């Protein structure tokens, strides 16, 4: 289990609006709600996707800031452990996303 409390926020548009609005982002004029990922609202798939970006960033910072590079790798491990410990599809945690961002292929 990670030594610290893990949480982060994810933005998803409103699927009812977004699926009928196919324009460039500059024309979007509606709220993009944020949803929290934590132990009470787990999301293994989005947690692992987030963690997957850190090793690449770590490589980019390795020569310029070794401490930050190491921190990114540590966060990768913590988030992956979190995703494994609190297994659940994020669309099961936030039901209003289920019809639009369903990832039931991942884990129930």
C-alpha atoms as a PDB file:
ATOM      1  CA  UNK A   1       0.000   0.000   0.000  1.00  0.00           C
ATOM      2  CA  UNK A   2       1.297   3.480  -0.794  1.00  0.00           C
ATOM      3  CA  UNK A   3       2.676   5.327   2.195  1.00  0.00           C
ATOM      4  CA  UNK A   4       0.631   8.430   1.354  1.00  0.00           C
ATOM      5  CA  UNK A   5      -2.989   9.064   0.525  1.00  0.00           C
ATOM      6  CA  UNK A   6      -3.427   8.848  -3.244  1.00  0.00           C
ATOM      7  CA  UNK A   7      -5.981  10.956  -5.085  1.00  0.00           C
ATOM      8  CA  UNK A   8      -6.220  13.009  -8.245  1.00  0.00           C
ATOM      9  CA  UNK A   9      -8.860  14.565 -10.419  1.00  0.00           C
ATOM     10  CA  UNK A  10      -9.972  13.710 -13.932  1.00  0.00           C
ATOM     11  CA  UNK A  11     -11.956  15.839 -16.381  1.00  0.00           C
ATOM     12  CA  UNK A  12     -14.685  14.322 -18.496  1.00  0.00           C
ATOM     13  CA  UNK A  13     -17.123  16.304 -20.542  1.00  0.00           C
ATOM     14  CA  UNK A  14     -20.846  15.777 -20.326  1.00  0.00           C
ATOM     15  CA  UNK A  15     -21.457  12.965 -22.813  1.00  0.00           C
ATOM     16  CA  UNK A  16     -24.979  14.129 -23.560  1.00  0.00           C
ATOM     17  CA  UNK A  17     -23.632  17.481 -24.754  1.00  0.00           C
ATOM     18  CA  UNK A  18     -20.244  16.402 -26.062  1.00  0.00           C
ATOM     19  CA  UNK A  19     -21.481  13.661 -28.377  1.00  0.00           C
ATOM     20  CA  UNK A  20     -23.632  16.205 -30.199  1.00  0.00           C
ATOM     21  CA  UNK A  21     -20.931  18.878 -30.426  1.00  0.00           C
ATOM     22  CA  UNK A  22     -18.155  18.121 -32.909  1.00  0.00           C
ATOM     23  CA  UNK A  23     -16.247  21.382 -33.116  1.00  0.00           C
ATOM     24  CA  UNK A  24     -12.776  22.572 -32.219  1.00  0.00           C
ATOM     25  CA  UNK A  25     -12.091  22.941 -28.468  1.00  0.00           C
ATOM     26  CA  UNK A  26     -12.008  26.724 -28.739  1.00  0.00           C
ATOM     27  CA  UNK A  27     -15.772  26.670 -29.391  1.00  0.00           C
ATOM     28  CA  UNK A  28     -16.618  24.624 -26.308  1.00  0.00           C
ATOM     29  CA  UNK A  29     -18.619  26.803 -23.984  1.00  0.00           C
ATOM     30  CA  UNK A  30     -19.850  24.481 -21.258  1.00  0.00           C
ATOM     31  CA  UNK A  31     -18.535  23.174 -17.967  1.00  0.00           C
ATOM     32  CA  UNK A  32     -16.161  20.236 -17.838  1.00  0.00           C
ATOM     33  CA  UNK A  33     -16.786  18.595 -14.479  1.00  0.00           C
ATOM     34  CA  UNK A  34     -13.960  17.137 -12.434  1.00  0.00           C
ATOM     35  CA  UNK A  35     -14.207  13.761 -10.745  1.00  0.00           C
ATOM     36  CA  UNK A  36     -12.016  12.602  -7.909  1.00  0.00           C
ATOM     37  CA  UNK A  37     -10.161   9.283  -8.017  1.00  0.00           C
ATOM     38  CA  UNK A  38      -9.441   7.979  -4.537  1.00  0.00           C
ATOM     39  CA  UNK A  39      -9.989   4.883  -2.386  1.00  0.00           C
ATOM     40  CA  UNK A  40     -13.708   5.685  -2.126  1.00  0.00           C
ATOM     41  CA  UNK A  41     -14.050   6.328  -5.885  1.00  0.00           C
ATOM     42  CA  UNK A  42     -11.432   4.026  -7.414  1.00  0.00           C
ATOM     43  CA  UNK A  43     -10.551   3.848 -11.048  1.00  0.00           C
ATOM     44  CA  UNK A  44      -7.907   1.266 -11.872  1.00  0.00           C
ATOM     45  CA  UNK A  45      -7.865   2.038 -15.583  1.00  0.00           C
ATOM     46  CA  UNK A  46      -7.480   5.812 -15.237  1.00  0.00           C
ATOM     47  CA  UNK A  47      -4.968   5.399 -12.399  1.00  0.00           C
ATOM     48  CA  UNK A  48      -2.769   3.140 -14.498  1.00  0.00           C
ATOM     49  CA  UNK A  49      -3.088   5.473 -17.493  1.00  0.00           C
ATOM     50  CA  UNK A  50      -1.961   8.367 -15.319  1.00  0.00           C
ATOM     51  CA  UNK A  51       0.936   6.354 -13.892  1.00  0.00           C
ATOM     52  CA  UNK A  52       2.059   5.358 -17.381  1.00  0.00           C
ATOM     53  CA  UNK A  53       3.024   8.945 -18.200  1.00  0.00           C
ATOM     54  CA  UNK A  54       5.484   9.322 -15.316  1.00  0.00           C
ATOM     55  CA  UNK A  55       8.298   7.006 -16.492  1.00  0.00           C
ATOM     56  CA  UNK A  56       8.505   8.915 -19.782  1.00  0.00           C
ATOM     57  CA  UNK A  57       8.673  12.201 -17.928  1.00  0.00           C
ATOM     58  CA  UNK A  58      11.259  10.692 -15.609  1.00  0.00           C
ATOM     59  CA  UNK A  59      13.526   9.928 -18.571  1.00  0.00           C
ATOM     60  CA  UNK A  60      13.167  13.497 -19.808  1.00  0.00           C
ATOM     61  CA  UNK A  61      14.199  14.942 -16.427  1.00  0.00           C
ATOM     62  CA  UNK A  62      16.884  12.383 -15.565  1.00  0.00           C
ATOM     63  CA  UNK A  63      19.896  14.538 -16.518  1.00  0.00           C
ATOM     64  CA  UNK A  64      18.516  17.954 -15.535  1.00  0.00           C
ATOM     65  CA  UNK A  65      16.861  17.062 -12.215  1.00  0.00           C
ATOM     66  CA  UNK A  66      17.671  13.592 -10.901  1.00  0.00           C
ATOM     67  CA  UNK A  67      15.637  14.078  -7.697  1.00  0.00           C
ATOM     68  CA  UNK A  68      12.496  14.976  -9.635  1.00  0.00           C
ATOM     69  CA  UNK A  69      13.094  12.079 -12.007  1.00  0.00           C
ATOM     70  CA  UNK A  70      13.266   9.685  -9.044  1.00  0.00           C
ATOM     71  CA  UNK A  71      10.127  11.230  -7.527  1.00  0.00           C
ATOM     72  CA  UNK A  72       8.211  10.554 -10.749  1.00  0.00           C
ATOM     73  CA  UNK A  73       9.226   6.897 -10.648  1.00  0.00           C
ATOM     74  CA  UNK A  74       8.217   6.643  -7.003  1.00  0.00           C
ATOM     75  CA  UNK A  75       4.808   8.142  -7.862  1.00  0.00           C
ATOM     76  CA  UNK A  76       4.462   5.599 -10.664  1.00  0.00           C
ATOM     77  CA  UNK A  77       4.888   2.745  -8.202  1.00  0.00           C
ATOM     78  CA  UNK A  78       2.514   4.307  -5.661  1.00  0.00           C
ATOM     79  CA  UNK A  79      -0.253   4.902  -8.193  1.00  0.00           C
ATOM     80  CA  UNK A  80       0.093   1.404  -9.650  1.00  0.00           C
ATOM     81  CA  UNK A  81      -0.122  -0.082  -6.143  1.00  0.00           C
ATOM     82  CA  UNK A  82      -3.180   2.084  -5.488  1.00  0.00           C
ATOM     83  CA  UNK A  83      -4.835   0.884  -8.724  1.00  0.00           C
ATOM     84  CA  UNK A  84      -4.130  -2.711  -7.781  1.00  0.00           C
ATOM     85  CA  UNK A  85      -5.354  -2.369  -4.190  1.00  0.00           C
ATOM     86  CA  UNK A  86      -8.570  -0.506  -5.057  1.00  0.00           C
ATOM     87  CA  UNK A  87      -9.689  -2.318  -8.193  1.00  0.00           C
ATOM     88  CA  UNK A  88     -12.704  -0.885  -9.883  1.00  0.00           C
ATOM     89  CA  UNK A  89     -13.667   0.628 -13.212  1.00  0.00           C
ATOM     90  CA  UNK A  90     -13.937   4.349 -12.915  1.00  0.00           C
ATOM     91  CA  UNK A  91     -17.208   4.282 -14.818  1.00  0.00           C
ATOM     92  CA  UNK A  92     -18.593   2.159 -11.961  1.00  0.00           C
ATOM     93  CA  UNK A  93     -17.504   4.814  -9.463  1.00  0.00           C
ATOM     94  CA  UNK A  94     -19.048   7.693 -11.433  1.00  0.00           C
ATOM     95  CA  UNK A  95     -22.144   6.176 -13.008  1.00  0.00           C
ATOM     96  CA  UNK A  96     -22.951   9.204 -15.177  1.00  0.00           C
ATOM     97  CA  UNK A  97     -19.831   8.362 -17.223  1.00  0.00           C
ATOM     98  CA  UNK A  98     -20.842   4.741 -17.796  1.00  0.00           C
ATOM     99  CA  UNK A  99     -22.694   5.202 -21.088  1.00  0.00           C
ATOM    100  CA  UNK A 100     -19.969   7.381 -22.594  1.00  0.00           C
ATOM    101  CA  UNK A 101     -16.604   6.274 -21.222  1.00  0.00           C
ATOM    102  CA  UNK A 102     -17.328   2.660 -20.349  1.00  0.00           C
ATOM    103  CA  UNK A 103     -14.206   0.593 -19.841  1.00  0.00           C
ATOM    104  CA  UNK A 104     -15.816  -2.677 -18.783  1.00  0.00           C
ATOM    105  CA  UNK A 105     -13.126  -4.594 -20.670  1.00  0.00           C
ATOM    106  CA  UNK A 106     -10.671  -3.676 -17.908  1.00  0.00           C
ATOM    107  CA  UNK A 107     -11.883  -4.915 -14.527  1.00  0.00           C
ATOM    108  CA  UNK A 108     -15.233  -4.912 -12.718  1.00  0.00           C
END
